[in-house]
N, C-alpha and C. Protein backbone atom coordinates (compact mmCIF):
# COMPACT_ATOMS: atom_id res chain seq x y z
N SER A 1 -24.86 -20.98 5.65
CA SER A 1 -23.85 -21.19 4.61
C SER A 1 -23.89 -22.62 4.11
N ILE A 2 -23.56 -22.80 2.83
CA ILE A 2 -23.50 -24.14 2.25
C ILE A 2 -22.09 -24.67 2.39
N VAL A 3 -21.94 -25.84 2.93
CA VAL A 3 -20.61 -26.42 3.12
C VAL A 3 -20.58 -27.78 2.46
N GLY A 4 -19.36 -28.31 2.30
CA GLY A 4 -19.23 -29.63 1.73
C GLY A 4 -19.39 -29.59 0.22
N ALA A 5 -19.76 -30.75 -0.34
CA ALA A 5 -19.88 -30.87 -1.79
C ALA A 5 -21.26 -30.41 -2.24
N ALA A 6 -21.47 -29.10 -2.24
CA ALA A 6 -22.76 -28.55 -2.61
C ALA A 6 -22.99 -28.67 -4.10
N MET A 7 -24.26 -28.82 -4.49
CA MET A 7 -24.62 -28.88 -5.89
C MET A 7 -24.37 -27.51 -6.53
N THR A 8 -23.90 -27.49 -7.74
CA THR A 8 -23.57 -26.24 -8.43
C THR A 8 -24.77 -25.32 -8.52
N GLU A 9 -25.94 -25.83 -8.85
CA GLU A 9 -27.15 -25.01 -8.98
C GLU A 9 -27.53 -24.37 -7.65
N ALA A 10 -27.46 -25.16 -6.58
CA ALA A 10 -27.81 -24.64 -5.26
C ALA A 10 -26.80 -23.58 -4.82
N LEU A 11 -25.54 -23.80 -5.12
CA LEU A 11 -24.50 -22.85 -4.74
C LEU A 11 -24.69 -21.53 -5.49
N THR A 12 -25.02 -21.62 -6.77
CA THR A 12 -25.25 -20.42 -7.58
C THR A 12 -26.42 -19.61 -7.03
N LYS A 13 -27.49 -20.32 -6.65
CA LYS A 13 -28.66 -19.64 -6.10
C LYS A 13 -28.32 -18.97 -4.77
N ARG A 14 -27.52 -19.66 -3.96
CA ARG A 14 -27.14 -19.11 -2.66
C ARG A 14 -26.29 -17.85 -2.83
N ILE A 15 -25.37 -17.87 -3.78
CA ILE A 15 -24.52 -16.71 -4.05
C ILE A 15 -25.36 -15.53 -4.52
N ALA A 16 -26.31 -15.80 -5.40
CA ALA A 16 -27.20 -14.74 -5.91
C ALA A 16 -28.02 -14.14 -4.77
N LEU A 17 -28.48 -14.99 -3.84
CA LEU A 17 -29.26 -14.53 -2.71
C LEU A 17 -28.43 -13.62 -1.80
N LEU A 18 -27.18 -14.03 -1.53
CA LEU A 18 -26.31 -13.23 -0.68
C LEU A 18 -26.00 -11.88 -1.32
N GLU A 19 -25.76 -11.88 -2.62
CA GLU A 19 -25.47 -10.63 -3.33
C GLU A 19 -26.68 -9.68 -3.25
N LYS A 20 -27.88 -10.25 -3.34
CA LYS A 20 -29.10 -9.45 -3.25
C LYS A 20 -29.26 -8.88 -1.84
N GLN A 21 -28.95 -9.70 -0.82
CA GLN A 21 -29.07 -9.25 0.56
C GLN A 21 -28.05 -8.15 0.87
N ILE A 22 -26.84 -8.28 0.33
CA ILE A 22 -25.81 -7.24 0.53
C ILE A 22 -26.25 -5.93 -0.10
N LYS A 23 -26.84 -6.01 -1.27
CA LYS A 23 -27.27 -4.82 -1.99
C LYS A 23 -28.33 -4.05 -1.22
N HIS A 24 -29.21 -4.77 -0.52
CA HIS A 24 -30.32 -4.13 0.18
C HIS A 24 -30.06 -3.94 1.68
N SER A 25 -28.91 -4.39 2.14
CA SER A 25 -28.60 -4.26 3.56
C SER A 25 -28.28 -2.81 3.92
N THR A 26 -28.80 -2.36 5.06
CA THR A 26 -28.57 -0.99 5.53
C THR A 26 -27.73 -0.95 6.81
N LEU A 27 -27.43 -2.10 7.36
CA LEU A 27 -26.64 -2.18 8.59
C LEU A 27 -25.21 -2.61 8.27
N GLU A 28 -24.25 -1.87 8.82
CA GLU A 28 -22.84 -2.15 8.52
C GLU A 28 -22.44 -3.55 8.97
N TYR A 29 -22.85 -3.94 10.18
CA TYR A 29 -22.47 -5.26 10.70
C TYR A 29 -23.08 -6.37 9.85
N GLU A 30 -24.36 -6.19 9.48
CA GLU A 30 -25.03 -7.19 8.65
C GLU A 30 -24.36 -7.32 7.29
N THR A 31 -24.01 -6.17 6.69
CA THR A 31 -23.35 -6.18 5.39
C THR A 31 -22.01 -6.90 5.46
N LYS A 32 -21.24 -6.62 6.52
CA LYS A 32 -19.94 -7.25 6.69
C LYS A 32 -20.08 -8.77 6.82
N THR A 33 -21.07 -9.19 7.59
CA THR A 33 -21.30 -10.63 7.78
C THR A 33 -21.67 -11.32 6.48
N LEU A 34 -22.55 -10.67 5.72
CA LEU A 34 -22.97 -11.23 4.44
C LEU A 34 -21.82 -11.29 3.45
N GLN A 35 -20.97 -10.27 3.47
CA GLN A 35 -19.81 -10.26 2.57
C GLN A 35 -18.83 -11.38 2.92
N GLU A 36 -18.68 -11.66 4.21
CA GLU A 36 -17.80 -12.75 4.63
C GLU A 36 -18.35 -14.09 4.16
N ARG A 37 -19.66 -14.26 4.26
CA ARG A 37 -20.29 -15.50 3.79
C ARG A 37 -20.10 -15.66 2.29
N LEU A 38 -20.29 -14.56 1.57
CA LEU A 38 -20.14 -14.60 0.12
C LEU A 38 -18.70 -14.93 -0.27
N ALA A 39 -17.75 -14.35 0.45
CA ALA A 39 -16.34 -14.60 0.16
C ALA A 39 -15.98 -16.07 0.36
N LYS A 40 -16.54 -16.67 1.40
CA LYS A 40 -16.25 -18.08 1.68
C LYS A 40 -16.80 -18.99 0.58
N LEU A 41 -17.91 -18.57 -0.02
CA LEU A 41 -18.53 -19.39 -1.05
C LEU A 41 -17.89 -19.20 -2.42
N THR A 42 -17.42 -17.99 -2.72
CA THR A 42 -16.96 -17.69 -4.08
C THR A 42 -15.46 -17.83 -4.30
N GLY A 43 -14.65 -17.74 -3.24
CA GLY A 43 -13.22 -17.85 -3.53
C GLY A 43 -12.35 -17.85 -2.31
N GLY A 44 -12.95 -17.96 -1.17
CA GLY A 44 -12.15 -17.97 0.04
C GLY A 44 -12.07 -16.58 0.66
N ILE A 45 -11.56 -16.54 1.84
CA ILE A 45 -11.45 -15.29 2.58
C ILE A 45 -10.07 -15.19 3.21
N ALA A 46 -9.51 -13.99 3.23
CA ALA A 46 -8.16 -13.80 3.76
C ALA A 46 -8.23 -13.03 5.07
N LEU A 47 -7.43 -13.45 6.01
CA LEU A 47 -7.32 -12.76 7.30
C LEU A 47 -5.93 -12.14 7.39
N ILE A 48 -5.89 -10.82 7.50
CA ILE A 48 -4.61 -10.10 7.56
C ILE A 48 -4.38 -9.61 8.99
N LYS A 49 -3.26 -10.01 9.55
CA LYS A 49 -2.92 -9.60 10.91
C LYS A 49 -1.79 -8.58 10.86
N VAL A 50 -1.97 -7.48 11.57
CA VAL A 50 -0.98 -6.41 11.59
C VAL A 50 -0.59 -6.12 13.03
N GLY A 51 0.71 -6.07 13.28
CA GLY A 51 1.19 -5.79 14.63
C GLY A 51 2.15 -4.62 14.65
N ALA A 52 2.27 -3.99 15.80
CA ALA A 52 3.19 -2.85 15.94
C ALA A 52 3.53 -2.68 17.41
N THR A 53 4.61 -1.96 17.67
CA THR A 53 5.06 -1.78 19.06
C THR A 53 4.44 -0.55 19.72
N THR A 54 3.92 0.38 18.92
CA THR A 54 3.29 1.58 19.48
C THR A 54 1.97 1.85 18.77
N ASP A 55 1.11 2.63 19.42
CA ASP A 55 -0.19 2.97 18.83
C ASP A 55 -0.01 3.79 17.55
N THR A 56 0.96 4.68 17.56
CA THR A 56 1.21 5.52 16.38
C THR A 56 1.61 4.68 15.18
N GLU A 57 2.51 3.74 15.41
CA GLU A 57 2.95 2.85 14.34
C GLU A 57 1.81 1.98 13.85
N LEU A 58 0.96 1.52 14.78
CA LEU A 58 -0.17 0.66 14.42
C LEU A 58 -1.18 1.42 13.55
N LYS A 59 -1.44 2.68 13.92
CA LYS A 59 -2.37 3.49 13.14
C LYS A 59 -1.82 3.72 11.73
N ASP A 60 -0.50 3.97 11.65
CA ASP A 60 0.12 4.19 10.35
C ASP A 60 0.01 2.94 9.48
N LYS A 61 0.29 1.77 10.07
CA LYS A 61 0.21 0.52 9.32
C LYS A 61 -1.23 0.23 8.89
N LYS A 62 -2.17 0.57 9.77
CA LYS A 62 -3.58 0.34 9.44
C LYS A 62 -3.99 1.17 8.23
N LEU A 63 -3.57 2.42 8.20
CA LEU A 63 -3.90 3.30 7.07
C LEU A 63 -3.26 2.79 5.78
N ARG A 64 -2.01 2.31 5.89
CA ARG A 64 -1.33 1.77 4.71
C ARG A 64 -2.04 0.51 4.21
N LEU A 65 -2.49 -0.31 5.15
CA LEU A 65 -3.19 -1.54 4.79
C LEU A 65 -4.51 -1.23 4.10
N GLU A 66 -5.23 -0.24 4.62
CA GLU A 66 -6.51 0.15 4.02
C GLU A 66 -6.29 0.69 2.61
N ASP A 67 -5.23 1.47 2.43
CA ASP A 67 -4.91 1.99 1.10
C ASP A 67 -4.63 0.84 0.13
N ALA A 68 -3.86 -0.14 0.62
CA ALA A 68 -3.51 -1.29 -0.23
C ALA A 68 -4.75 -2.10 -0.60
N LEU A 69 -5.65 -2.29 0.36
CA LEU A 69 -6.87 -3.06 0.10
C LEU A 69 -7.77 -2.33 -0.91
N ASN A 70 -7.90 -1.01 -0.72
CA ASN A 70 -8.74 -0.23 -1.63
C ASN A 70 -8.15 -0.23 -3.04
N ALA A 71 -6.81 -0.15 -3.11
CA ALA A 71 -6.15 -0.18 -4.43
C ALA A 71 -6.35 -1.53 -5.10
N THR A 72 -6.29 -2.59 -4.31
CA THR A 72 -6.49 -3.94 -4.86
C THR A 72 -7.91 -4.11 -5.38
N LYS A 73 -8.88 -3.62 -4.62
CA LYS A 73 -10.28 -3.71 -5.05
C LYS A 73 -10.50 -2.92 -6.33
N ALA A 74 -9.87 -1.74 -6.40
CA ALA A 74 -9.99 -0.91 -7.60
C ALA A 74 -9.36 -1.61 -8.80
N ALA A 75 -8.23 -2.27 -8.56
CA ALA A 75 -7.54 -2.99 -9.65
C ALA A 75 -8.38 -4.16 -10.15
N ILE A 76 -9.06 -4.83 -9.25
CA ILE A 76 -9.92 -5.95 -9.64
C ILE A 76 -11.08 -5.44 -10.50
N THR A 77 -11.56 -4.24 -10.18
CA THR A 77 -12.71 -3.67 -10.89
C THR A 77 -12.37 -3.25 -12.31
N GLU A 78 -11.27 -2.50 -12.48
CA GLU A 78 -10.97 -1.93 -13.80
C GLU A 78 -9.57 -2.27 -14.32
N GLY A 79 -8.83 -3.11 -13.62
CA GLY A 79 -7.49 -3.47 -14.09
C GLY A 79 -6.44 -2.48 -13.64
N THR A 80 -5.26 -2.60 -14.22
CA THR A 80 -4.13 -1.75 -13.82
C THR A 80 -3.46 -1.11 -15.03
N VAL A 81 -2.70 -0.04 -14.73
CA VAL A 81 -1.84 0.59 -15.73
C VAL A 81 -0.45 0.71 -15.10
N VAL A 82 0.55 0.98 -15.92
CA VAL A 82 1.88 1.15 -15.36
C VAL A 82 1.89 2.38 -14.45
N GLY A 83 2.67 2.32 -13.37
CA GLY A 83 2.69 3.38 -12.39
C GLY A 83 3.80 4.39 -12.61
N GLY A 84 4.11 5.12 -11.55
CA GLY A 84 5.16 6.12 -11.63
C GLY A 84 4.81 7.32 -12.50
N GLY A 85 3.52 7.47 -12.83
CA GLY A 85 3.11 8.58 -13.69
C GLY A 85 3.29 8.29 -15.17
N LYS A 86 3.84 7.12 -15.51
CA LYS A 86 4.14 6.79 -16.90
C LYS A 86 2.88 6.69 -17.75
N ALA A 87 1.80 6.16 -17.18
CA ALA A 87 0.55 6.03 -17.95
C ALA A 87 0.06 7.40 -18.41
N LEU A 88 0.19 8.39 -17.53
CA LEU A 88 -0.26 9.74 -17.89
C LEU A 88 0.70 10.39 -18.89
N VAL A 89 1.97 10.03 -18.82
CA VAL A 89 2.94 10.53 -19.80
C VAL A 89 2.55 10.01 -21.19
N GLU A 90 2.14 8.76 -21.27
CA GLU A 90 1.74 8.19 -22.55
C GLU A 90 0.45 8.84 -23.07
N VAL A 91 -0.46 9.18 -22.15
CA VAL A 91 -1.67 9.90 -22.54
C VAL A 91 -1.29 11.28 -23.07
N TYR A 92 -0.34 11.92 -22.40
CA TYR A 92 0.14 13.24 -22.85
C TYR A 92 0.67 13.17 -24.28
N GLN A 93 1.46 12.15 -24.56
CA GLN A 93 2.04 12.02 -25.89
C GLN A 93 0.98 11.76 -26.97
N GLU A 94 -0.11 11.12 -26.57
CA GLU A 94 -1.19 10.85 -27.52
C GLU A 94 -2.01 12.11 -27.79
N LEU A 95 -2.15 12.97 -26.81
CA LEU A 95 -3.06 14.11 -26.92
C LEU A 95 -2.41 15.42 -27.37
N LYS A 96 -1.10 15.57 -27.10
CA LYS A 96 -0.47 16.87 -27.31
C LYS A 96 -0.55 17.37 -28.75
N ASP A 97 -0.62 16.48 -29.72
CA ASP A 97 -0.67 16.89 -31.12
C ASP A 97 -2.04 16.67 -31.75
N THR A 98 -3.00 16.21 -30.94
CA THR A 98 -4.32 15.91 -31.51
C THR A 98 -5.41 16.85 -31.01
N LEU A 99 -5.28 17.35 -29.78
CA LEU A 99 -6.28 18.26 -29.24
C LEU A 99 -5.93 19.69 -29.59
N SER A 100 -6.83 20.38 -30.24
CA SER A 100 -6.59 21.77 -30.61
C SER A 100 -7.90 22.50 -30.79
N SER A 101 -7.85 23.82 -30.73
CA SER A 101 -9.03 24.64 -30.91
C SER A 101 -8.65 25.93 -31.62
N GLU A 102 -9.59 26.47 -32.38
CA GLU A 102 -9.34 27.72 -33.08
C GLU A 102 -9.41 28.91 -32.12
N HIS A 103 -10.05 28.71 -30.97
CA HIS A 103 -10.19 29.78 -29.98
C HIS A 103 -8.98 29.78 -29.04
N LYS A 104 -8.32 30.91 -28.93
CA LYS A 104 -7.10 31.01 -28.15
C LYS A 104 -7.32 30.65 -26.67
N GLU A 105 -8.41 31.15 -26.10
CA GLU A 105 -8.66 30.89 -24.68
C GLU A 105 -8.90 29.40 -24.42
N ILE A 106 -9.64 28.78 -25.31
CA ILE A 106 -9.89 27.33 -25.17
C ILE A 106 -8.58 26.56 -25.32
N GLN A 107 -7.76 26.99 -26.27
CA GLN A 107 -6.48 26.31 -26.49
C GLN A 107 -5.58 26.42 -25.27
N LYS A 108 -5.64 27.57 -24.58
CA LYS A 108 -4.85 27.73 -23.35
C LYS A 108 -5.29 26.72 -22.31
N GLY A 109 -6.61 26.53 -22.21
CA GLY A 109 -7.12 25.55 -21.26
C GLY A 109 -6.70 24.14 -21.61
N ILE A 110 -6.75 23.82 -22.90
CA ILE A 110 -6.31 22.49 -23.37
C ILE A 110 -4.85 22.26 -23.02
N ASN A 111 -4.03 23.29 -23.26
CA ASN A 111 -2.59 23.17 -22.98
C ASN A 111 -2.32 22.94 -21.50
N VAL A 112 -3.08 23.63 -20.66
CA VAL A 112 -2.91 23.48 -19.20
C VAL A 112 -3.22 22.05 -18.78
N VAL A 113 -4.32 21.51 -19.29
CA VAL A 113 -4.72 20.15 -18.93
C VAL A 113 -3.69 19.13 -19.41
N ILE A 114 -3.25 19.27 -20.65
CA ILE A 114 -2.30 18.32 -21.21
C ILE A 114 -0.96 18.37 -20.47
N GLU A 115 -0.48 19.59 -20.19
CA GLU A 115 0.80 19.72 -19.49
C GLU A 115 0.71 19.17 -18.07
N SER A 116 -0.46 19.27 -17.46
CA SER A 116 -0.62 18.79 -16.09
C SER A 116 -0.45 17.28 -15.99
N LEU A 117 -0.59 16.57 -17.10
CA LEU A 117 -0.42 15.11 -17.08
C LEU A 117 1.01 14.70 -16.77
N LEU A 118 1.96 15.63 -16.91
CA LEU A 118 3.36 15.33 -16.62
C LEU A 118 3.71 15.58 -15.15
N THR A 119 2.82 16.26 -14.44
CA THR A 119 3.10 16.65 -13.06
C THR A 119 3.32 15.47 -12.11
N PRO A 120 2.51 14.38 -12.17
CA PRO A 120 2.76 13.25 -11.26
C PRO A 120 4.17 12.69 -11.38
N THR A 121 4.66 12.54 -12.62
CA THR A 121 6.03 12.03 -12.82
C THR A 121 7.04 12.98 -12.21
N TYR A 122 6.85 14.26 -12.44
CA TYR A 122 7.75 15.28 -11.89
C TYR A 122 7.76 15.21 -10.36
N GLN A 123 6.58 15.14 -9.75
CA GLN A 123 6.51 15.17 -8.29
C GLN A 123 7.06 13.90 -7.66
N ILE A 124 6.82 12.75 -8.29
CA ILE A 124 7.36 11.50 -7.78
C ILE A 124 8.88 11.55 -7.76
N ALA A 125 9.47 12.06 -8.84
CA ALA A 125 10.92 12.17 -8.93
C ALA A 125 11.47 13.14 -7.88
N GLU A 126 10.81 14.26 -7.71
CA GLU A 126 11.24 15.25 -6.73
C GLU A 126 11.17 14.68 -5.31
N ASN A 127 10.09 13.98 -5.01
CA ASN A 127 9.92 13.39 -3.68
C ASN A 127 10.99 12.35 -3.37
N ALA A 128 11.49 11.71 -4.44
CA ALA A 128 12.52 10.68 -4.26
C ALA A 128 13.93 11.26 -4.29
N GLY A 129 14.03 12.59 -4.45
CA GLY A 129 15.34 13.24 -4.43
C GLY A 129 16.00 13.39 -5.79
N PHE A 130 15.24 13.25 -6.86
CA PHE A 130 15.78 13.38 -8.21
C PHE A 130 15.32 14.70 -8.84
N ASP A 131 15.95 15.06 -9.95
CA ASP A 131 15.58 16.26 -10.69
C ASP A 131 14.31 15.96 -11.49
N GLY A 132 13.19 16.54 -11.06
CA GLY A 132 11.92 16.25 -11.71
C GLY A 132 11.88 16.61 -13.18
N ASP A 133 12.42 17.77 -13.52
CA ASP A 133 12.41 18.21 -14.93
C ASP A 133 13.20 17.25 -15.81
N HIS A 134 14.35 16.81 -15.31
CA HIS A 134 15.18 15.88 -16.08
C HIS A 134 14.48 14.54 -16.27
N ILE A 135 13.86 14.05 -15.22
CA ILE A 135 13.18 12.76 -15.30
C ILE A 135 12.02 12.82 -16.29
N VAL A 136 11.27 13.93 -16.27
CA VAL A 136 10.15 14.08 -17.20
C VAL A 136 10.65 14.07 -18.65
N ARG A 137 11.74 14.78 -18.91
CA ARG A 137 12.30 14.81 -20.27
C ARG A 137 12.73 13.41 -20.70
N GLN A 138 13.33 12.66 -19.78
CA GLN A 138 13.76 11.30 -20.11
C GLN A 138 12.56 10.37 -20.35
N GLN A 139 11.51 10.58 -19.55
CA GLN A 139 10.33 9.73 -19.70
C GLN A 139 9.70 9.87 -21.08
N LEU A 140 9.77 11.06 -21.63
CA LEU A 140 9.16 11.31 -22.95
C LEU A 140 9.84 10.53 -24.07
N HIS A 141 11.06 10.04 -23.81
CA HIS A 141 11.80 9.30 -24.84
C HIS A 141 11.80 7.79 -24.60
N GLN A 142 11.14 7.36 -23.53
CA GLN A 142 11.09 5.93 -23.23
C GLN A 142 9.99 5.26 -24.05
N LYS A 143 10.20 3.98 -24.39
CA LYS A 143 9.17 3.25 -25.13
C LYS A 143 8.02 2.90 -24.20
N ILE A 144 6.94 2.45 -24.77
CA ILE A 144 5.73 2.19 -24.02
C ILE A 144 5.97 1.22 -22.86
N ASN A 145 5.40 1.56 -21.71
CA ASN A 145 5.49 0.78 -20.46
C ASN A 145 6.87 0.84 -19.79
N PHE A 146 7.84 1.47 -20.43
CA PHE A 146 9.14 1.65 -19.80
C PHE A 146 9.19 3.04 -19.17
N GLY A 147 9.69 3.08 -17.93
CA GLY A 147 9.75 4.37 -17.26
C GLY A 147 10.67 4.35 -16.06
N PHE A 148 10.62 5.43 -15.29
CA PHE A 148 11.52 5.64 -14.17
C PHE A 148 10.99 5.00 -12.90
N ASN A 149 11.81 4.14 -12.31
CA ASN A 149 11.49 3.53 -11.03
C ASN A 149 12.17 4.36 -9.94
N ALA A 150 11.38 5.15 -9.23
CA ALA A 150 11.93 6.07 -8.23
C ALA A 150 12.62 5.33 -7.08
N LYS A 151 12.25 4.09 -6.86
CA LYS A 151 12.86 3.31 -5.76
C LYS A 151 14.29 2.91 -6.08
N THR A 152 14.55 2.56 -7.34
CA THR A 152 15.88 2.11 -7.73
C THR A 152 16.66 3.16 -8.50
N GLY A 153 15.96 4.18 -9.01
CA GLY A 153 16.62 5.22 -9.80
C GLY A 153 16.96 4.76 -11.21
N GLN A 154 16.31 3.70 -11.68
CA GLN A 154 16.60 3.14 -13.00
C GLN A 154 15.36 3.18 -13.89
N TYR A 155 15.59 3.11 -15.21
CA TYR A 155 14.50 3.03 -16.17
C TYR A 155 14.27 1.56 -16.51
N VAL A 156 13.07 1.09 -16.22
CA VAL A 156 12.78 -0.34 -16.34
C VAL A 156 11.41 -0.54 -16.98
N ASP A 157 11.11 -1.81 -17.28
CA ASP A 157 9.76 -2.18 -17.69
C ASP A 157 8.92 -2.14 -16.41
N LEU A 158 8.11 -1.10 -16.27
CA LEU A 158 7.41 -0.86 -15.02
C LEU A 158 6.42 -1.97 -14.67
N ALA A 159 5.73 -2.47 -15.66
CA ALA A 159 4.77 -3.55 -15.40
C ALA A 159 5.49 -4.80 -14.89
N HIS A 160 6.61 -5.14 -15.52
CA HIS A 160 7.38 -6.32 -15.12
C HIS A 160 7.98 -6.12 -13.73
N ALA A 161 8.33 -4.88 -13.39
CA ALA A 161 8.94 -4.58 -12.09
C ALA A 161 7.89 -4.44 -10.99
N GLY A 162 6.62 -4.51 -11.36
CA GLY A 162 5.56 -4.42 -10.35
C GLY A 162 5.19 -3.00 -9.98
N VAL A 163 5.62 -2.03 -10.77
CA VAL A 163 5.26 -0.63 -10.51
C VAL A 163 3.98 -0.35 -11.29
N ILE A 164 2.85 -0.53 -10.64
CA ILE A 164 1.55 -0.39 -11.30
C ILE A 164 0.60 0.44 -10.43
N ASP A 165 -0.43 0.96 -11.06
CA ASP A 165 -1.50 1.69 -10.38
C ASP A 165 -2.84 1.14 -10.85
N PRO A 166 -3.84 1.15 -9.99
CA PRO A 166 -5.17 0.76 -10.45
C PRO A 166 -5.68 1.76 -11.50
N THR A 167 -6.24 1.27 -12.59
CA THR A 167 -6.77 2.15 -13.62
C THR A 167 -7.83 3.09 -13.05
N LYS A 168 -8.66 2.56 -12.18
CA LYS A 168 -9.74 3.37 -11.60
C LYS A 168 -9.20 4.54 -10.81
N VAL A 169 -8.11 4.32 -10.06
CA VAL A 169 -7.52 5.39 -9.25
C VAL A 169 -6.93 6.48 -10.15
N THR A 170 -6.22 6.06 -11.19
CA THR A 170 -5.62 7.03 -12.12
C THR A 170 -6.70 7.83 -12.84
N ARG A 171 -7.72 7.14 -13.29
CA ARG A 171 -8.81 7.82 -14.00
C ARG A 171 -9.54 8.79 -13.08
N GLN A 172 -9.83 8.33 -11.86
CA GLN A 172 -10.59 9.16 -10.92
C GLN A 172 -9.79 10.38 -10.49
N ALA A 173 -8.48 10.25 -10.42
CA ALA A 173 -7.63 11.39 -10.06
C ALA A 173 -7.76 12.51 -11.09
N ILE A 174 -7.80 12.14 -12.36
CA ILE A 174 -7.96 13.12 -13.43
C ILE A 174 -9.34 13.78 -13.35
N LEU A 175 -10.37 12.97 -13.13
CA LEU A 175 -11.73 13.50 -13.04
C LEU A 175 -11.88 14.45 -11.85
N ASN A 176 -11.28 14.07 -10.72
CA ASN A 176 -11.37 14.92 -9.53
C ASN A 176 -10.64 16.24 -9.74
N ALA A 177 -9.47 16.17 -10.37
CA ALA A 177 -8.70 17.37 -10.64
C ALA A 177 -9.46 18.31 -11.57
N ALA A 178 -10.10 17.72 -12.58
CA ALA A 178 -10.88 18.52 -13.53
C ALA A 178 -12.07 19.17 -12.84
N SER A 179 -12.70 18.43 -11.94
CA SER A 179 -13.85 18.94 -11.21
C SER A 179 -13.47 20.13 -10.33
N ILE A 180 -12.36 19.97 -9.60
CA ILE A 180 -11.90 21.05 -8.72
C ILE A 180 -11.48 22.27 -9.53
N SER A 181 -10.80 22.04 -10.66
CA SER A 181 -10.37 23.14 -11.51
C SER A 181 -11.57 23.91 -12.06
N SER A 182 -12.60 23.19 -12.48
CA SER A 182 -13.81 23.83 -12.98
C SER A 182 -14.47 24.67 -11.90
N LEU A 183 -14.46 24.15 -10.68
CA LEU A 183 -15.05 24.88 -9.56
C LEU A 183 -14.28 26.17 -9.28
N MET A 184 -12.95 26.09 -9.31
CA MET A 184 -12.13 27.27 -9.05
C MET A 184 -12.31 28.33 -10.13
N ILE A 185 -12.48 27.90 -11.38
CA ILE A 185 -12.65 28.84 -12.48
C ILE A 185 -13.94 29.65 -12.32
N THR A 186 -14.99 29.00 -11.83
CA THR A 186 -16.28 29.67 -11.71
C THR A 186 -16.49 30.32 -10.34
N THR A 187 -15.49 30.22 -9.49
CA THR A 187 -15.60 30.83 -8.15
C THR A 187 -15.08 32.26 -8.18
N GLU A 188 -15.84 33.17 -7.58
CA GLU A 188 -15.45 34.58 -7.58
C GLU A 188 -14.28 34.85 -6.64
N ALA A 189 -14.20 34.10 -5.55
CA ALA A 189 -13.12 34.31 -4.59
C ALA A 189 -12.82 33.00 -3.87
N ALA A 190 -11.60 32.89 -3.38
CA ALA A 190 -11.20 31.69 -2.65
C ALA A 190 -10.33 32.08 -1.46
N VAL A 191 -10.40 31.29 -0.40
CA VAL A 191 -9.61 31.53 0.80
C VAL A 191 -8.46 30.53 0.83
N VAL A 192 -7.25 31.00 1.02
CA VAL A 192 -6.09 30.13 1.07
C VAL A 192 -5.34 30.35 2.38
N SER A 193 -4.57 29.35 2.76
CA SER A 193 -3.74 29.45 3.97
C SER A 193 -2.31 29.72 3.56
N LEU A 194 -1.75 30.82 4.05
CA LEU A 194 -0.37 31.16 3.74
C LEU A 194 0.57 30.27 4.51
N LYS A 195 1.70 29.95 3.90
CA LYS A 195 2.71 29.16 4.59
C LYS A 195 3.31 29.98 5.73
N ASP A 196 3.75 29.30 6.78
CA ASP A 196 4.27 29.97 7.97
C ASP A 196 5.42 30.90 7.64
N GLU A 197 6.33 30.45 6.75
CA GLU A 197 7.48 31.28 6.43
C GLU A 197 7.08 32.56 5.70
N LYS A 198 5.99 32.47 4.89
CA LYS A 198 5.51 33.65 4.18
C LYS A 198 4.91 34.64 5.17
N ILE A 199 4.15 34.14 6.15
CA ILE A 199 3.56 35.01 7.17
C ILE A 199 4.64 35.69 7.98
N GLN A 200 5.65 34.92 8.39
CA GLN A 200 6.75 35.46 9.19
C GLN A 200 7.50 36.52 8.40
N SER A 201 7.71 36.29 7.09
CA SER A 201 8.41 37.24 6.25
C SER A 201 7.65 38.55 6.16
N ASP A 202 6.33 38.47 6.00
CA ASP A 202 5.50 39.67 5.93
C ASP A 202 5.53 40.43 7.24
N MET A 203 5.53 39.70 8.35
CA MET A 203 5.57 40.35 9.66
C MET A 203 6.89 41.08 9.86
N ASN A 204 7.99 40.47 9.43
CA ASN A 204 9.30 41.10 9.58
C ASN A 204 9.40 42.37 8.75
N MET A 205 8.79 42.35 7.57
CA MET A 205 8.83 43.51 6.69
C MET A 205 8.02 44.67 7.26
N SER A 206 6.95 44.33 7.99
CA SER A 206 6.09 45.38 8.54
C SER A 206 6.62 45.97 9.84
N MET A 207 7.57 45.29 10.48
CA MET A 207 8.11 45.77 11.76
C MET A 207 9.14 46.88 11.52
N PRO A 208 9.07 47.99 12.30
CA PRO A 208 10.04 49.09 12.15
C PRO A 208 11.43 48.66 12.62
N GLU A 209 12.43 49.30 12.04
CA GLU A 209 13.80 48.99 12.45
C GLU A 209 14.08 49.47 13.87
């Protein structure tokens, strides 16, 4: 590693060399070491310490930390959009009157995709104990970047309030959903797991009095 008052040209060459070595590295330990060296040269390195009183709590915190780190990396790559499902609501409003087809079956598919963009907002509200349908209707009347903060139950400037999502995560979620939907459409049969209460109900109905 280069330390001290290194010459700019030498530092640039060293950074380029490390990036090349990381790209061609096949060993996890070697890659990690090279990434740490690169971080020290380009902008510093952060050490995050996480503690807990039980193994279960520690595992939960570790998973949350990994999610946060991955989200941060994604945000650095492609930026951020407002969270809470609001970004997809705005996409819905842009597309609902512009996408159309003369073929009825195709139009049905378009409608399904467009309507699905409202589902994240609905589910977030429901998970927080609010009426999802009501929140979605209210979201449609909010101005750009303003939306429902499920934590406070208020309509705020989401970006200013820190309610954001990585653009890459939001985009990839749509692509993944489309991919799975396409697979299901072309699949002749699928296996599903029935909920326990549904199985129990069927068993009770089949039992003689």
